[in-house]
Amino acid sequence: MEEIYRLIEEKIKEAGHEGNVSGKDIYDEICDQIEEAENGSYIFMSKKDDDVFFEYKIDVMDDNFNLSYIDINTPQGKIHVDFDN
């Protein structure tokens, strides 16, 4: 699991986000959101502080999920983090 957490953090930093992020926290939040979800594609929003929120695009399947992208919305603009590439 540590590898997954590190990958999430690295992708976000590579996309240009300079704030602190926790891959574990993001992964856990996604798991909580999709716990009872049916198969399909979902967009989830998560407010991180007063002026920053994350938008997750997730595809839920029977035994797993795919984090397609995260859009990090800040006062300076949007940072798109593509996990499908």
PDB file of N, CA and C in Angstrom:
ATOM      1  N   MET A   1       0.827  -1.202   0.000  1.00  0.00           N
ATOM      2  CA  MET A   1       0.000   0.000   0.000  1.00  0.00           C
ATOM      3  C   MET A   1       0.867   1.260   0.000  1.00  0.00           C
ATOM      4  N   GLU A   2       2.018   1.190   0.660  1.00  0.00           N
ATOM      5  CA  GLU A   2       2.891   2.364   0.707  1.00  0.00           C
ATOM      6  C   GLU A   2       3.260   2.836  -0.698  1.00  0.00           C
ATOM      7  N   GLU A   3       3.421   1.900  -1.622  1.00  0.00           N
ATOM      8  CA  GLU A   3       3.763   2.249  -3.005  1.00  0.00           C
ATOM      9  C   GLU A   3       2.629   3.053  -3.649  1.00  0.00           C
ATOM     10  N   ILE A   4       1.395   2.652  -3.397  1.00  0.00           N
ATOM     11  CA  ILE A   4       0.237   3.370  -3.939  1.00  0.00           C
ATOM     12  C   ILE A   4       0.179   4.782  -3.359  1.00  0.00           C
ATOM     13  N   TYR A   5       0.365   4.897  -2.058  1.00  0.00           N
ATOM     14  CA  TYR A   5       0.339   6.222  -1.416  1.00  0.00           C
ATOM     15  C   TYR A   5       1.414   7.131  -2.008  1.00  0.00           C
ATOM     16  N   ARG A   6       2.614   6.580  -2.175  1.00  0.00           N
ATOM     17  CA  ARG A   6       3.733   7.355  -2.713  1.00  0.00           C
ATOM     18  C   ARG A   6       3.456   7.784  -4.154  1.00  0.00           C
ATOM     19  N   LEU A   7       2.866   6.886  -4.948  1.00  0.00           N
ATOM     20  CA  LEU A   7       2.540   7.200  -6.337  1.00  0.00           C
ATOM     21  C   LEU A   7       1.546   8.363  -6.413  1.00  0.00           C
ATOM     22  N   ILE A   8       0.526   8.336  -5.584  1.00  0.00           N
ATOM     23  CA  ILE A   8      -0.461   9.429  -5.552  1.00  0.00           C
ATOM     24  C   ILE A   8       0.238  10.748  -5.241  1.00  0.00           C
ATOM     25  N   GLU A   9       1.080  10.745  -4.209  1.00  0.00           N
ATOM     26  CA  GLU A   9       1.782  11.963  -3.807  1.00  0.00           C
ATOM     27  C   GLU A   9       2.704  12.460  -4.919  1.00  0.00           C
ATOM     28  N   GLU A  10       3.442  11.554  -5.557  1.00  0.00           N
ATOM     29  CA  GLU A  10       4.371  11.941  -6.621  1.00  0.00           C
ATOM     30  C   GLU A  10       3.643  12.543  -7.824  1.00  0.00           C
ATOM     31  N   LYS A  11       2.548  11.908  -8.231  1.00  0.00           N
ATOM     32  CA  LYS A  11       1.790  12.416  -9.383  1.00  0.00           C
ATOM     33  C   LYS A  11       1.272  13.828  -9.108  1.00  0.00           C
ATOM     34  N   ILE A  12       0.803  14.065  -7.896  1.00  0.00           N
ATOM     35  CA  ILE A  12       0.271  15.379  -7.539  1.00  0.00           C
ATOM     36  C   ILE A  12       1.381  16.424  -7.557  1.00  0.00           C
ATOM     37  N   LYS A  13       2.529  16.093  -7.016  1.00  0.00           N
ATOM     38  CA  LYS A  13       3.661  17.025  -7.020  1.00  0.00           C
ATOM     39  C   LYS A  13       4.164  17.274  -8.437  1.00  0.00           C
ATOM     40  N   GLU A  14       4.234  16.224  -9.266  1.00  0.00           N
ATOM     41  CA  GLU A  14       4.671  16.372 -10.661  1.00  0.00           C
ATOM     42  C   GLU A  14       3.736  17.282 -11.453  1.00  0.00           C
ATOM     43  N   ALA A  15       2.458  17.280 -11.085  1.00  0.00           N
ATOM     44  CA  ALA A  15       1.483  18.122 -11.783  1.00  0.00           C
ATOM     45  C   ALA A  15       1.612  19.596 -11.393  1.00  0.00           C
ATOM     46  N   GLY A  16       2.382  19.870 -10.325  1.00  0.00           N
ATOM     47  CA  GLY A  16       2.624  21.253  -9.952  1.00  0.00           C
ATOM     48  C   GLY A  16       2.017  21.720  -8.647  1.00  0.00           C
ATOM     49  N   HIS A  17       1.357  20.832  -7.927  1.00  0.00           N
ATOM     50  CA  HIS A  17       0.772  21.238  -6.635  1.00  0.00           C
ATOM     51  C   HIS A  17       1.881  21.291  -5.590  1.00  0.00           C
ATOM     52  N   GLU A  18       1.996  22.440  -4.929  1.00  0.00           N
ATOM     53  CA  GLU A  18       3.064  22.640  -3.958  1.00  0.00           C
ATOM     54  C   GLU A  18       2.635  22.402  -2.519  1.00  0.00           C
ATOM     55  N   GLY A  19       1.350  22.218  -2.281  1.00  0.00           N
ATOM     56  CA  GLY A  19       0.861  22.003  -0.928  1.00  0.00           C
ATOM     57  C   GLY A  19       1.157  20.597  -0.431  1.00  0.00           C
ATOM     58  N   ASN A  20       1.016  20.416   0.857  1.00  0.00           N
ATOM     59  CA  ASN A  20       1.207  19.101   1.451  1.00  0.00           C
ATOM     60  C   ASN A  20       0.019  18.204   1.121  1.00  0.00           C
ATOM     61  N   VAL A  21       0.316  16.985   0.712  1.00  0.00           N
ATOM     62  CA  VAL A  21      -0.723  15.993   0.455  1.00  0.00           C
ATOM     63  C   VAL A  21      -0.291  14.669   1.058  1.00  0.00           C
ATOM     64  N   SER A  22      -1.263  13.884   1.441  1.00  0.00           N
ATOM     65  CA  SER A  22      -1.012  12.546   1.959  1.00  0.00           C
ATOM     66  C   SER A  22      -1.705  11.540   1.052  1.00  0.00           C
ATOM     67  N   GLY A  23      -0.920  10.711   0.392  1.00  0.00           N
ATOM     68  CA  GLY A  23      -1.487   9.669  -0.456  1.00  0.00           C
ATOM     69  C   GLY A  23      -2.389   8.741   0.334  1.00  0.00           C
ATOM     70  N   LYS A  24      -2.000   8.446   1.565  1.00  0.00           N
ATOM     71  CA  LYS A  24      -2.811   7.575   2.425  1.00  0.00           C
ATOM     72  C   LYS A  24      -4.159   8.222   2.721  1.00  0.00           C
ATOM     73  N   ASP A  25      -4.146   9.506   3.061  1.00  0.00           N
ATOM     74  CA  ASP A  25      -5.403  10.198   3.361  1.00  0.00           C
ATOM     75  C   ASP A  25      -6.322  10.226   2.141  1.00  0.00           C
ATOM     76  N   ILE A  26      -5.751  10.492   0.969  1.00  0.00           N
ATOM     77  CA  ILE A  26      -6.548  10.517  -0.258  1.00  0.00           C
ATOM     78  C   ILE A  26      -7.126   9.137  -0.538  1.00  0.00           C
ATOM     79  N   TYR A  27      -6.305   8.103  -0.451  1.00  0.00           N
ATOM     80  CA  TYR A  27      -6.756   6.731  -0.694  1.00  0.00           C
ATOM     81  C   TYR A  27      -7.870   6.346   0.289  1.00  0.00           C
ATOM     82  N   ASP A  28      -7.649   6.636   1.568  1.00  0.00           N
ATOM     83  CA  ASP A  28      -8.651   6.303   2.587  1.00  0.00           C
ATOM     84  C   ASP A  28      -9.962   7.050   2.351  1.00  0.00           C
ATOM     85  N   GLU A  29      -9.866   8.310   1.962  1.00  0.00           N
ATOM     86  CA  GLU A  29     -11.071   9.105   1.695  1.00  0.00           C
ATOM     87  C   GLU A  29     -11.858   8.512   0.521  1.00  0.00           C
ATOM     88  N   ILE A  30     -11.151   8.122  -0.530  1.00  0.00           N
ATOM     89  CA  ILE A  30     -11.807   7.500  -1.679  1.00  0.00           C
ATOM     90  C   ILE A  30     -12.494   6.202  -1.256  1.00  0.00           C
ATOM     91  N   CYS A  31     -11.797   5.377  -0.505  1.00  0.00           N
ATOM     92  CA  CYS A  31     -12.376   4.100  -0.055  1.00  0.00           C
ATOM     93  C   CYS A  31     -13.642   4.332   0.772  1.00  0.00           C
ATOM     94  N   ASP A  32     -13.615   5.349   1.635  1.00  0.00           N
ATOM     95  CA  ASP A  32     -14.799   5.675   2.430  1.00  0.00           C
ATOM     96  C   ASP A  32     -15.963   6.098   1.539  1.00  0.00           C
ATOM     97  N   GLN A  33     -15.688   6.895   0.518  1.00  0.00           N
ATOM     98  CA  GLN A  33     -16.735   7.397  -0.365  1.00  0.00           C
ATOM     99  C   GLN A  33     -17.373   6.292  -1.211  1.00  0.00           C
ATOM    100  N   ILE A  34     -16.594   5.310  -1.610  1.00  0.00           N
ATOM    101  CA  ILE A  34     -17.112   4.285  -2.529  1.00  0.00           C
ATOM    102  C   ILE A  34     -17.540   3.006  -1.822  1.00  0.00           C
ATOM    103  N   GLU A  35     -17.492   2.997  -0.517  1.00  0.00           N
ATOM    104  CA  GLU A  35     -17.765   1.781   0.250  1.00  0.00           C
ATOM    105  C   GLU A  35     -19.057   1.087  -0.163  1.00  0.00           C
ATOM    106  N   GLU A  36     -20.122   1.802  -0.328  1.00  0.00           N
ATOM    107  CA  GLU A  36     -21.418   1.213  -0.681  1.00  0.00           C
ATOM    108  C   GLU A  36     -21.832   1.530  -2.123  1.00  0.00           C
ATOM    109  N   ALA A  37     -20.903   2.067  -2.909  1.00  0.00           N
ATOM    110  CA  ALA A  37     -21.240   2.506  -4.267  1.00  0.00           C
ATOM    111  C   ALA A  37     -21.409   1.326  -5.218  1.00  0.00           C
ATOM    112  N   GLU A  38     -22.336   1.476  -6.130  1.00  0.00           N
ATOM    113  CA  GLU A  38     -22.516   0.486  -7.189  1.00  0.00           C
ATOM    114  C   GLU A  38     -21.468   0.716  -8.260  1.00  0.00           C
ATOM    115  N   ASN A  39     -21.278  -0.271  -9.123  1.00  0.00           N
ATOM    116  CA  ASN A  39     -20.340  -0.112 -10.228  1.00  0.00           C
ATOM    117  C   ASN A  39     -20.730   1.093 -11.065  1.00  0.00           C
ATOM    118  N   GLY A  40     -19.725   1.850 -11.497  1.00  0.00           N
ATOM    119  CA  GLY A  40     -19.977   3.017 -12.333  1.00  0.00           C
ATOM    120  C   GLY A  40     -18.907   4.065 -12.140  1.00  0.00           C
ATOM    121  N   SER A  41     -19.095   5.194 -12.778  1.00  0.00           N
ATOM    122  CA  SER A  41     -18.159   6.312 -12.685  1.00  0.00           C
ATOM    123  C   SER A  41     -18.746   7.388 -11.779  1.00  0.00           C
ATOM    124  N   TYR A  42     -17.886   7.954 -10.931  1.00  0.00           N
ATOM    125  CA  TYR A  42     -18.323   8.938  -9.943  1.00  0.00           C
ATOM    126  C   TYR A  42     -17.362  10.121  -9.901  1.00  0.00           C
ATOM    127  N   ILE A  43     -17.914  11.268  -9.566  1.00  0.00           N
ATOM    128  CA  ILE A  43     -17.131  12.470  -9.275  1.00  0.00           C
ATOM    129  C   ILE A  43     -17.392  12.799  -7.804  1.00  0.00           C
ATOM    130  N   PHE A  44     -16.319  12.910  -7.025  1.00  0.00           N
ATOM    131  CA  PHE A  44     -16.423  13.273  -5.621  1.00  0.00           C
ATOM    132  C   PHE A  44     -15.655  14.562  -5.390  1.00  0.00           C
ATOM    133  N   MET A  45     -16.183  15.408  -4.538  1.00  0.00           N
ATOM    134  CA  MET A  45     -15.515  16.648  -4.154  1.00  0.00           C
ATOM    135  C   MET A  45     -15.083  16.539  -2.700  1.00  0.00           C
ATOM    136  N   SER A  46     -13.927  17.112  -2.408  1.00  0.00           N
ATOM    137  CA  SER A  46     -13.414  17.112  -1.046  1.00  0.00           C
ATOM    138  C   SER A  46     -12.785  18.462  -0.750  1.00  0.00           C
ATOM    139  N   LYS A  47     -13.338  19.170   0.211  1.00  0.00           N
ATOM    140  CA  LYS A  47     -12.799  20.473   0.591  1.00  0.00           C
ATOM    141  C   LYS A  47     -11.609  20.254   1.515  1.00  0.00           C
ATOM    142  N   LYS A  48     -10.469  20.812   1.145  1.00  0.00           N
ATOM    143  CA  LYS A  48      -9.244  20.619   1.921  1.00  0.00           C
ATOM    144  C   LYS A  48      -9.008  21.756   2.914  1.00  0.00           C
ATOM    145  N   ASP A  49      -9.296  22.968   2.521  1.00  0.00           N
ATOM    146  CA  ASP A  49      -9.289  24.111   3.432  1.00  0.00           C
ATOM    147  C   ASP A  49     -10.206  25.180   2.860  1.00  0.00           C
ATOM    148  N   ASP A  50     -10.165  26.367   3.392  1.00  0.00           N
ATOM    149  CA  ASP A  50     -11.134  27.394   3.015  1.00  0.00           C
ATOM    150  C   ASP A  50     -11.213  27.674   1.521  1.00  0.00           C
ATOM    151  N   ASP A  51     -10.080  27.576   0.819  1.00  0.00           N
ATOM    152  CA  ASP A  51     -10.093  27.960  -0.588  1.00  0.00           C
ATOM    153  C   ASP A  51      -9.520  26.897  -1.529  1.00  0.00           C
ATOM    154  N   VAL A  52      -9.357  25.679  -1.058  1.00  0.00           N
ATOM    155  CA  VAL A  52      -8.841  24.587  -1.890  1.00  0.00           C
ATOM    156  C   VAL A  52      -9.779  23.389  -1.779  1.00  0.00           C
ATOM    157  N   PHE A  53     -10.161  22.838  -2.955  1.00  0.00           N
ATOM    158  CA  PHE A  53     -10.913  21.593  -2.929  1.00  0.00           C
ATOM    159  C   PHE A  53     -10.420  20.675  -4.033  1.00  0.00           C
ATOM    160  N   PHE A  54     -10.537  19.371  -3.772  1.00  0.00           N
ATOM    161  CA  PHE A  54     -10.138  18.348  -4.727  1.00  0.00           C
ATOM    162  C   PHE A  54     -11.384  17.744  -5.346  1.00  0.00           C
ATOM    163  N   GLU A  55     -11.301  17.456  -6.627  1.00  0.00           N
ATOM    164  CA  GLU A  55     -12.365  16.760  -7.353  1.00  0.00           C
ATOM    165  C   GLU A  55     -11.768  15.448  -7.861  1.00  0.00           C
ATOM    166  N   TYR A  56     -12.350  14.332  -7.435  1.00  0.00           N
ATOM    167  CA  TYR A  56     -11.864  13.004  -7.833  1.00  0.00           C
ATOM    168  C   TYR A  56     -12.808  12.391  -8.860  1.00  0.00           C
ATOM    169  N   LYS A  57     -12.258  11.805  -9.919  1.00  0.00           N
ATOM    170  CA  LYS A  57     -13.052  11.021 -10.870  1.00  0.00           C
ATOM    171  C   LYS A  57     -12.641   9.571 -10.666  1.00  0.00           C
ATOM    172  N   ILE A  58     -13.605   8.748 -10.251  1.00  0.00           N
ATOM    173  CA  ILE A  58     -13.328   7.366  -9.867  1.00  0.00           C
ATOM    174  C   ILE A  58     -14.264   6.426 -10.601  1.00  0.00           C
ATOM    175  N   ASP A  59     -13.703   5.344 -11.118  1.00  0.00           N
ATOM    176  CA  ASP A  59     -14.492   4.272 -11.721  1.00  0.00           C
ATOM    177  C   ASP A  59     -14.516   3.116 -10.735  1.00  0.00           C
ATOM    178  N   VAL A  60     -15.716   2.749 -10.295  1.00  0.00           N
ATOM    179  CA  VAL A  60     -15.887   1.679  -9.318  1.00  0.00           C
ATOM    180  C   VAL A  60     -16.252   0.394 -10.054  1.00  0.00           C
ATOM    181  N   MET A  61     -15.532  -0.676  -9.714  1.00  0.00           N
ATOM    182  CA  MET A  61     -15.782  -1.999 -10.288  1.00  0.00           C
ATOM    183  C   MET A  61     -16.046  -2.979  -9.153  1.00  0.00           C
ATOM    184  N   ASP A  62     -16.353  -4.215  -9.481  1.00  0.00           N
ATOM    185  CA  ASP A  62     -16.728  -5.197  -8.464  1.00  0.00           C
ATOM    186  C   ASP A  62     -15.731  -5.277  -7.308  1.00  0.00           C
ATOM    187  N   ASP A  63     -14.468  -5.477  -7.614  1.00  0.00           N
ATOM    188  CA  ASP A  63     -13.489  -5.730  -6.561  1.00  0.00           C
ATOM    189  C   ASP A  63     -12.433  -4.650  -6.398  1.00  0.00           C
ATOM    190  N   ASN A  64     -12.530  -3.570  -7.170  1.00  0.00           N
ATOM    191  CA  ASN A  64     -11.529  -2.523  -7.060  1.00  0.00           C
ATOM    192  C   ASN A  64     -12.070  -1.211  -7.627  1.00  0.00           C
ATOM    193  N   PHE A  65     -11.194  -0.222  -7.714  1.00  0.00           N
ATOM    194  CA  PHE A  65     -11.573   1.049  -8.310  1.00  0.00           C
ATOM    195  C   PHE A  65     -10.389   1.609  -9.075  1.00  0.00           C
ATOM    196  N   ASN A  66     -10.677   2.543  -9.972  1.00  0.00           N
ATOM    197  CA  ASN A  66      -9.651   3.240 -10.728  1.00  0.00           C
ATOM    198  C   ASN A  66      -9.801   4.731 -10.456  1.00  0.00           C
ATOM    199  N   LEU A  67      -8.741   5.322  -9.920  1.00  0.00           N
ATOM    200  CA  LEU A  67      -8.692   6.770  -9.765  1.00  0.00           C
ATOM    201  C   LEU A  67      -8.234   7.336 -11.095  1.00  0.00           C
ATOM    202  N   SER A  68      -9.145   7.935 -11.826  1.00  0.00           N
ATOM    203  CA  SER A  68      -8.854   8.439 -13.163  1.00  0.00           C
ATOM    204  C   SER A  68      -8.110   9.769 -13.102  1.00  0.00           C
ATOM    205  N   TYR A  69      -8.624  10.713 -12.314  1.00  0.00           N
ATOM    206  CA  TYR A  69      -7.937  11.997 -12.173  1.00  0.00           C
ATOM    207  C   TYR A  69      -8.327  12.674 -10.873  1.00  0.00           C
ATOM    208  N   ILE A  70      -7.506  13.637 -10.515  1.00  0.00           N
ATOM    209  CA  ILE A  70      -7.820  14.572  -9.435  1.00  0.00           C
ATOM    210  C   ILE A  70      -7.633  15.970 -10.015  1.00  0.00           C
ATOM    211  N   ASP A  71      -8.631  16.817  -9.853  1.00  0.00           N
ATOM    212  CA  ASP A  71      -8.486  18.235 -10.149  1.00  0.00           C
ATOM    213  C   ASP A  71      -8.365  18.955  -8.816  1.00  0.00           C
ATOM    214  N   ILE A  72      -7.268  19.675  -8.660  1.00  0.00           N
ATOM    215  CA  ILE A  72      -7.040  20.445  -7.438  1.00  0.00           C
ATOM    216  C   ILE A  72      -7.380  21.895  -7.762  1.00  0.00           C
ATOM    217  N   ASN A  73      -8.429  22.392  -7.147  1.00  0.00           N
ATOM    218  CA  ASN A  73      -8.922  23.746  -7.402  1.00  0.00           C
ATOM    219  C   ASN A  73      -8.431  24.675  -6.298  1.00  0.00           C
ATOM    220  N   THR A  74      -7.632  25.674  -6.700  1.00  0.00           N
ATOM    221  CA  THR A  74      -7.065  26.639  -5.770  1.00  0.00           C
ATOM    222  C   THR A  74      -7.396  28.045  -6.255  1.00  0.00           C
ATOM    223  N   PRO A  75      -7.179  29.049  -5.428  1.00  0.00           N
ATOM    224  CA  PRO A  75      -7.409  30.422  -5.891  1.00  0.00           C
ATOM    225  C   PRO A  75      -6.526  30.793  -7.095  1.00  0.00           C
ATOM    226  N   GLN A  76      -5.384  30.139  -7.246  1.00  0.00           N
ATOM    227  CA  GLN A  76      -4.479  30.421  -8.359  1.00  0.00           C
ATOM    228  C   GLN A  76      -4.892  29.702  -9.641  1.00  0.00           C
ATOM    229  N   GLY A  77      -5.795  28.744  -9.547  1.00  0.00           N
ATOM    230  CA  GLY A  77      -6.246  28.009 -10.719  1.00  0.00           C
ATOM    231  C   GLY A  77      -6.416  26.528 -10.431  1.00  0.00           C
ATOM    232  N   LYS A  78      -6.634  25.782 -11.508  1.00  0.00           N
ATOM    233  CA  LYS A  78      -6.876  24.349 -11.391  1.00  0.00           C
ATOM    234  C   LYS A  78      -5.625  23.578 -11.809  1.00  0.00           C
ATOM    235  N   ILE A  79      -5.289  22.558 -11.025  1.00  0.00           N
ATOM    236  CA  ILE A  79      -4.192  21.641 -11.353  1.00  0.00           C
ATOM    237  C   ILE A  79      -4.835  20.290 -11.659  1.00  0.00           C
ATOM    238  N   HIS A  80      -4.589  19.780 -12.857  1.00  0.00           N
ATOM    239  CA  HIS A  80      -5.143  18.498 -13.274  1.00  0.00           C
ATOM    240  C   HIS A  80      -4.086  17.413 -13.112  1.00  0.00           C
ATOM    241  N   VAL A  81      -4.442  16.354 -12.373  1.00  0.00           N
ATOM    242  CA  VAL A  81      -3.536  15.229 -12.143  1.00  0.00           C
ATOM    243  C   VAL A  81      -4.164  14.000 -12.779  1.00  0.00           C
ATOM    244  N   ASP A  82      -3.592  13.541 -13.898  1.00  0.00           N
ATOM    245  CA  ASP A  82      -4.140  12.424 -14.672  1.00  0.00           C
ATOM    246  C   ASP A  82      -3.467  11.130 -14.243  1.00  0.00           C
ATOM    247  N   PHE A  83      -4.243  10.209 -13.681  1.00  0.00           N
ATOM    248  CA  PHE A  83      -3.715   8.927 -13.237  1.00  0.00           C
ATOM    249  C   PHE A  83      -3.869   7.837 -14.291  1.00  0.00           C
ATOM    250  N   ASP A  84      -4.517   8.139 -15.396  1.00  0.00           N
ATOM    251  CA  ASP A  84      -4.698   7.141 -16.442  1.00  0.00           C
ATOM    252  C   ASP A  84      -3.542   7.127 -17.438  1.00  0.00           C
ATOM    253  N   ASN A  85      -2.628   8.074 -17.337  1.00  0.00           N
ATOM    254  CA  ASN A  85      -1.459   8.112 -18.236  1.00  0.00           C
ATOM    255  C   ASN A  85      -0.206   7.753 -17.487  1.00  0.00           C
TER     256      ASN A  85
END
